[in-house]
PDB file of N, CA and C in Angstrom:
ATOM      1  N   MET A   1     -50.062  14.069  32.331  1.00  0.00           N
ATOM      2  CA  MET A   1     -49.503  12.726  31.790  1.00  0.00           C
ATOM      3  C   MET A   1     -48.641  12.808  30.730  1.00  0.00           C
ATOM      4  N   ARG A   2     -49.017  13.695  29.627  1.00  0.00           N
ATOM      5  CA  ARG A   2     -48.363  13.839  28.474  1.00  0.00           C
ATOM      6  C   ARG A   2     -47.096  14.440  28.610  1.00  0.00           C
ATOM      7  N   SER A   3     -46.971  15.340  29.492  1.00  0.00           N
ATOM      8  CA  SER A   3     -45.714  16.132  29.863  1.00  0.00           C
ATOM      9  C   SER A   3     -44.762  15.162  30.625  1.00  0.00           C
ATOM     10  N   ASP A   4     -45.232  14.309  31.439  1.00  0.00           N
ATOM     11  CA  ASP A   4     -44.442  13.336  32.021  1.00  0.00           C
ATOM     12  C   ASP A   4     -43.755  12.379  30.886  1.00  0.00           C
ATOM     13  N   PHE A   5     -44.398  12.034  30.060  1.00  0.00           N
ATOM     14  CA  PHE A   5     -43.880  11.226  28.868  1.00  0.00           C
ATOM     15  C   PHE A   5     -42.869  12.016  28.168  1.00  0.00           C
ATOM     16  N   ASN A   6     -43.142  13.269  27.800  1.00  0.00           N
ATOM     17  CA  ASN A   6     -42.094  14.050  27.160  1.00  0.00           C
ATOM     18  C   ASN A   6     -40.908  14.256  27.994  1.00  0.00           C
ATOM     19  N   LEU A   7     -40.896  14.456  29.409  1.00  0.00           N
ATOM     20  CA  LEU A   7     -39.844  14.769  30.199  1.00  0.00           C
ATOM     21  C   LEU A   7     -38.957  13.360  30.216  1.00  0.00           C
ATOM     22  N   GLN A   8     -39.654  12.297  30.361  1.00  0.00           N
ATOM     23  CA  GLN A   8     -38.929  10.859  30.290  1.00  0.00           C
ATOM     24  C   GLN A   8     -38.198  10.770  28.918  1.00  0.00           C
ATOM     25  N   LYS A   9     -38.799  11.087  27.871  1.00  0.00           N
ATOM     26  CA  LYS A   9     -38.121  10.797  26.510  1.00  0.00           C
ATOM     27  C   LYS A   9     -36.989  11.809  26.393  1.00  0.00           C
ATOM     28  N   ASN A  10     -37.113  13.112  26.850  1.00  0.00           N
ATOM     29  CA  ASN A  10     -36.120  13.965  26.781  1.00  0.00           C
ATOM     30  C   ASN A  10     -34.829  13.644  27.660  1.00  0.00           C
ATOM     31  N   SER A  11     -35.114  13.162  28.887  1.00  0.00           N
ATOM     32  CA  SER A  11     -33.967  12.858  29.848  1.00  0.00           C
ATOM     33  C   SER A  11     -33.305  11.657  29.119  1.00  0.00           C
ATOM     34  N   ALA A  12     -34.011  10.732  28.488  1.00  0.00           N
ATOM     35  CA  ALA A  12     -33.328   9.657  27.858  1.00  0.00           C
ATOM     36  C   ALA A  12     -32.444   9.993  26.701  1.00  0.00           C
ATOM     37  N   ASN A  13     -32.834  11.041  26.025  1.00  0.00           N
ATOM     38  CA  ASN A  13     -32.119  11.555  24.889  1.00  0.00           C
ATOM     39  C   ASN A  13     -30.916  12.304  25.363  1.00  0.00           C
ATOM     40  N   VAL A  14     -31.041  13.069  26.598  1.00  0.00           N
ATOM     41  CA  VAL A  14     -29.855  13.732  27.095  1.00  0.00           C
ATOM     42  C   VAL A  14     -28.647  12.732  27.680  1.00  0.00           C
ATOM     43  N   SER A  15     -29.193  11.732  28.318  1.00  0.00           N
ATOM     44  CA  SER A  15     -28.314  10.812  28.824  1.00  0.00           C
ATOM     45  C   SER A  15     -27.555   9.967  27.836  1.00  0.00           C
ATOM     46  N   GLU A  16     -28.239   9.815  26.629  1.00  0.00           N
ATOM     47  CA  GLU A  16     -27.503   8.997  25.559  1.00  0.00           C
ATOM     48  C   GLU A  16     -26.591   9.975  24.913  1.00  0.00           C
ATOM     49  N   GLN A  17     -26.811  11.143  24.708  1.00  0.00           N
ATOM     50  CA  GLN A  17     -25.901  12.194  24.124  1.00  0.00           C
ATOM     51  C   GLN A  17     -24.764  12.661  25.024  1.00  0.00           C
ATOM     52  N   SER A  18     -24.913  12.414  26.240  1.00  0.00           N
ATOM     53  CA  SER A  18     -23.813  12.701  27.247  1.00  0.00           C
ATOM     54  C   SER A  18     -22.712  11.707  27.525  1.00  0.00           C
ATOM     55  N   LYS A  19     -23.111  10.632  27.003  1.00  0.00           N
ATOM     56  CA  LYS A  19     -22.015   9.564  27.163  1.00  0.00           C
ATOM     57  C   LYS A  19     -20.888   9.900  26.263  1.00  0.00           C
ATOM     58  N   VAL A  20     -19.554   9.676  26.972  1.00  0.00           N
ATOM     59  CA  VAL A  20     -18.379   9.894  26.312  1.00  0.00           C
ATOM     60  C   VAL A  20     -17.576   8.568  26.200  1.00  0.00           C
ATOM     61  N   LYS A  21     -17.089   8.233  25.059  1.00  0.00           N
ATOM     62  CA  LYS A  21     -16.282   6.980  24.926  1.00  0.00           C
ATOM     63  C   LYS A  21     -14.833   7.234  25.338  1.00  0.00           C
ATOM     64  N   LEU A  22     -14.533   6.399  26.200  1.00  0.00           N
ATOM     65  CA  LEU A  22     -13.081   6.482  26.856  1.00  0.00           C
ATOM     66  C   LEU A  22     -12.122   6.271  25.769  1.00  0.00           C
ATOM     67  N   THR A  23     -12.189   5.342  24.738  1.00  0.00           N
ATOM     68  CA  THR A  23     -11.241   5.411  23.718  1.00  0.00           C
ATOM     69  C   THR A  23     -11.107   6.582  22.871  1.00  0.00           C
ATOM     70  N   ASP A  24     -12.252   7.116  22.597  1.00  0.00           N
ATOM     71  CA  ASP A  24     -12.192   8.631  21.974  1.00  0.00           C
ATOM     72  C   ASP A  24     -11.309   9.584  22.621  1.00  0.00           C
ATOM     73  N   LEU A  25     -11.508   9.681  23.876  1.00  0.00           N
ATOM     74  CA  LEU A  25     -10.794  10.474  24.837  1.00  0.00           C
ATOM     75  C   LEU A  25      -9.351  10.172  24.793  1.00  0.00           C
ATOM     76  N   LEU A  26      -8.860   8.848  24.906  1.00  0.00           N
ATOM     77  CA  LEU A  26      -7.660   8.436  25.026  1.00  0.00           C
ATOM     78  C   LEU A  26      -6.956   8.738  23.650  1.00  0.00           C
ATOM     79  N   SER A  27      -7.684   8.513  22.667  1.00  0.00           N
ATOM     80  CA  SER A  27      -6.924   8.753  21.264  1.00  0.00           C
ATOM     81  C   SER A  27      -6.622  10.246  20.873  1.00  0.00           C
ATOM     82  N   ARG A  28      -7.799  11.012  21.482  1.00  0.00           N
ATOM     83  CA  ARG A  28      -7.437  12.428  21.426  1.00  0.00           C
ATOM     84  C   ARG A  28      -6.308  12.951  22.278  1.00  0.00           C
ATOM     85  N   ILE A  29      -6.194  12.391  23.539  1.00  0.00           N
ATOM     86  CA  ILE A  29      -5.096  12.747  24.295  1.00  0.00           C
ATOM     87  C   ILE A  29      -3.572  12.252  23.511  1.00  0.00           C
ATOM     88  N   ASN A  30      -3.588  11.222  23.067  1.00  0.00           N
ATOM     89  CA  ASN A  30      -2.448  10.669  22.497  1.00  0.00           C
ATOM     90  C   ASN A  30      -2.119  11.604  21.292  1.00  0.00           C
ATOM     91  N   GLU A  31      -3.115  11.941  20.462  1.00  0.00           N
ATOM     92  CA  GLU A  31      -2.942  12.824  19.344  1.00  0.00           C
ATOM     93  C   GLU A  31      -2.322  14.214  19.681  1.00  0.00           C
ATOM     94  N   GLU A  32      -2.885  14.753  20.992  1.00  0.00           N
ATOM     95  CA  GLU A  32      -2.435  16.068  21.421  1.00  0.00           C
ATOM     96  C   GLU A  32      -0.939  15.830  22.039  1.00  0.00           C
ATOM     97  N   LYS A  33      -0.664  14.788  22.572  1.00  0.00           N
ATOM     98  CA  LYS A  33       0.866  14.489  23.035  1.00  0.00           C
ATOM     99  C   LYS A  33       1.767  14.541  21.779  1.00  0.00           C
ATOM    100  N   LYS A  34       1.207  13.682  20.793  1.00  0.00           N
ATOM    101  CA  LYS A  34       2.236  13.766  19.545  1.00  0.00           C
ATOM    102  C   LYS A  34       2.511  15.320  19.057  1.00  0.00           C
ATOM    103  N   ILE A  35       1.443  15.957  18.905  1.00  0.00           N
ATOM    104  CA  ILE A  35       1.356  17.407  18.511  1.00  0.00           C
ATOM    105  C   ILE A  35       2.384  18.198  19.414  1.00  0.00           C
ATOM    106  N   GLU A  36       2.275  18.060  20.775  1.00  0.00           N
ATOM    107  CA  GLU A  36       3.012  18.906  21.622  1.00  0.00           C
ATOM    108  C   GLU A  36       4.514  18.434  21.582  1.00  0.00           C
ATOM    109  N   ARG A  37       4.728  17.172  21.326  1.00  0.00           N
ATOM    110  CA  ARG A  37       6.191  16.594  21.195  1.00  0.00           C
ATOM    111  C   ARG A  37       6.733  17.188  19.941  1.00  0.00           C
ATOM    112  N   ASN A  38       6.043  17.181  18.780  1.00  0.00           N
ATOM    113  CA  ASN A  38       6.617  17.887  17.682  1.00  0.00           C
ATOM    114  C   ASN A  38       6.880  19.331  17.785  1.00  0.00           C
ATOM    115  N   ARG A  39       5.901  20.005  18.638  1.00  0.00           N
ATOM    116  CA  ARG A  39       6.272  21.452  18.736  1.00  0.00           C
ATOM    117  C   ARG A  39       7.427  21.677  19.584  1.00  0.00           C
ATOM    118  N   ASN A  40       7.553  20.764  20.698  1.00  0.00           N
ATOM    119  CA  ASN A  40       8.765  20.978  21.541  1.00  0.00           C
ATOM    120  C   ASN A  40       9.989  20.702  20.710  1.00  0.00           C
ATOM    121  N   PHE A  41       9.990  19.663  19.992  1.00  0.00           N
ATOM    122  CA  PHE A  41      11.158  19.397  18.996  1.00  0.00           C
ATOM    123  C   PHE A  41      11.592  20.480  18.199  1.00  0.00           C
ATOM    124  N   ALA A  42      10.650  21.140  17.403  1.00  0.00           N
ATOM    125  CA  ALA A  42      10.771  22.057  16.634  1.00  0.00           C
ATOM    126  C   ALA A  42      11.322  23.393  17.273  1.00  0.00           C
ATOM    127  N   LEU A  43      10.817  23.588  18.440  1.00  0.00           N
ATOM    128  CA  LEU A  43      11.354  24.724  19.309  1.00  0.00           C
ATOM    129  C   LEU A  43      12.746  24.543  19.781  1.00  0.00           C
ATOM    130  N   SER A  44      13.038  23.313  20.100  1.00  0.00           N
ATOM    131  CA  SER A  44      14.506  23.005  20.618  1.00  0.00           C
ATOM    132  C   SER A  44      15.373  23.071  19.380  1.00  0.00           C
ATOM    133  N   VAL A  45      14.973  22.737  18.291  1.00  0.00           N
ATOM    134  CA  VAL A  45      15.924  22.731  17.018  1.00  0.00           C
ATOM    135  C   VAL A  45      16.074  24.308  16.791  1.00  0.00           C
ATOM    136  N   ALA A  46      15.045  25.164  16.779  1.00  0.00           N
ATOM    137  CA  ALA A  46      15.154  26.495  16.459  1.00  0.00           C
ATOM    138  C   ALA A  46      16.150  27.141  17.550  1.00  0.00           C
ATOM    139  N   ALA A  47      16.060  26.745  18.900  1.00  0.00           N
ATOM    140  CA  ALA A  47      17.046  27.378  19.920  1.00  0.00           C
ATOM    141  C   ALA A  47      18.285  26.956  19.600  1.00  0.00           C
ATOM    142  N   VAL A  48      18.548  25.787  19.212  1.00  0.00           N
ATOM    143  CA  VAL A  48      19.878  25.232  19.162  1.00  0.00           C
ATOM    144  C   VAL A  48      20.559  25.880  17.808  1.00  0.00           C
ATOM    145  N   SER A  49      19.657  26.035  16.841  1.00  0.00           N
ATOM    146  CA  SER A  49      20.286  26.589  15.568  1.00  0.00           C
ATOM    147  C   SER A  49      20.586  28.131  15.894  1.00  0.00           C
ATOM    148  N   ALA A  50      19.776  28.807  16.731  1.00  0.00           N
ATOM    149  CA  ALA A  50      20.026  30.268  17.092  1.00  0.00           C
ATOM    150  C   ALA A  50      21.225  30.503  17.783  1.00  0.00           C
ATOM    151  N   VAL A  51      21.487  29.625  18.853  1.00  0.00           N
ATOM    152  CA  VAL A  51      22.589  29.669  19.469  1.00  0.00           C
ATOM    153  C   VAL A  51      23.947  29.352  18.755  1.00  0.00           C
ATOM    154  N   THR A  52      23.790  28.360  17.784  1.00  0.00           N
ATOM    155  CA  THR A  52      24.927  28.011  16.888  1.00  0.00           C
ATOM    156  C   THR A  52      25.308  29.228  15.975  1.00  0.00           C
ATOM    157  N   VAL A  53      24.254  29.808  15.422  1.00  0.00           N
ATOM    158  CA  VAL A  53      24.371  30.990  14.531  1.00  0.00           C
ATOM    159  C   VAL A  53      25.131  32.136  15.391  1.00  0.00           C
ATOM    160  N   PHE A  54      24.603  32.379  16.428  1.00  0.00           N
ATOM    161  CA  PHE A  54      25.154  33.428  17.411  1.00  0.00           C
ATOM    162  C   PHE A  54      26.620  33.149  17.589  1.00  0.00           C
ATOM    163  N   GLY A  55      26.880  31.888  17.931  1.00  0.00           N
ATOM    164  CA  GLY A  55      28.095  31.536  18.269  1.00  0.00           C
ATOM    165  C   GLY A  55      29.196  31.731  17.078  1.00  0.00           C
ATOM    166  N   ILE A  56      28.749  31.323  15.818  1.00  0.00           N
ATOM    167  CA  ILE A  56      29.591  31.610  14.648  1.00  0.00           C
ATOM    168  C   ILE A  56      29.765  32.958  14.475  1.00  0.00           C
ATOM    169  N   ILE A  57      28.783  33.880  14.574  1.00  0.00           N
ATOM    170  CA  ILE A  57      28.931  35.311  14.395  1.00  0.00           C
ATOM    171  C   ILE A  57      29.920  35.804  15.347  1.00  0.00           C
ATOM    172  N   LEU A  58      29.853  35.408  16.664  1.00  0.00           N
ATOM    173  CA  LEU A  58      30.922  35.922  17.657  1.00  0.00           C
ATOM    174  C   LEU A  58      32.167  35.570  17.268  1.00  0.00           C
ATOM    175  N   THR A  59      32.450  34.410  16.793  1.00  0.00           N
ATOM    176  CA  THR A  59      33.915  33.872  16.329  1.00  0.00           C
ATOM    177  C   THR A  59      34.502  34.641  15.151  1.00  0.00           C
ATOM    178  N   LEU A  60      33.700  35.249  14.318  1.00  0.00           N
ATOM    179  CA  LEU A  60      34.215  35.842  13.219  1.00  0.00           C
ATOM    180  C   LEU A  60      34.808  37.180  13.591  1.00  0.00           C
TER     181      LEU A  60
END
């Protein structure tokens, strides 16, 4: 009888801890998208700069 009570109590704790808030997930996804967008922008600027410098060196 006592082990049944402990089992029910533990299963209730697990179900409460395993709940995930949708708003938290969406905000995390949006933050990751912003970070990825900034990284892509920085990479694009670096690539364009490298091509520009290479072009200037070739014209000299």
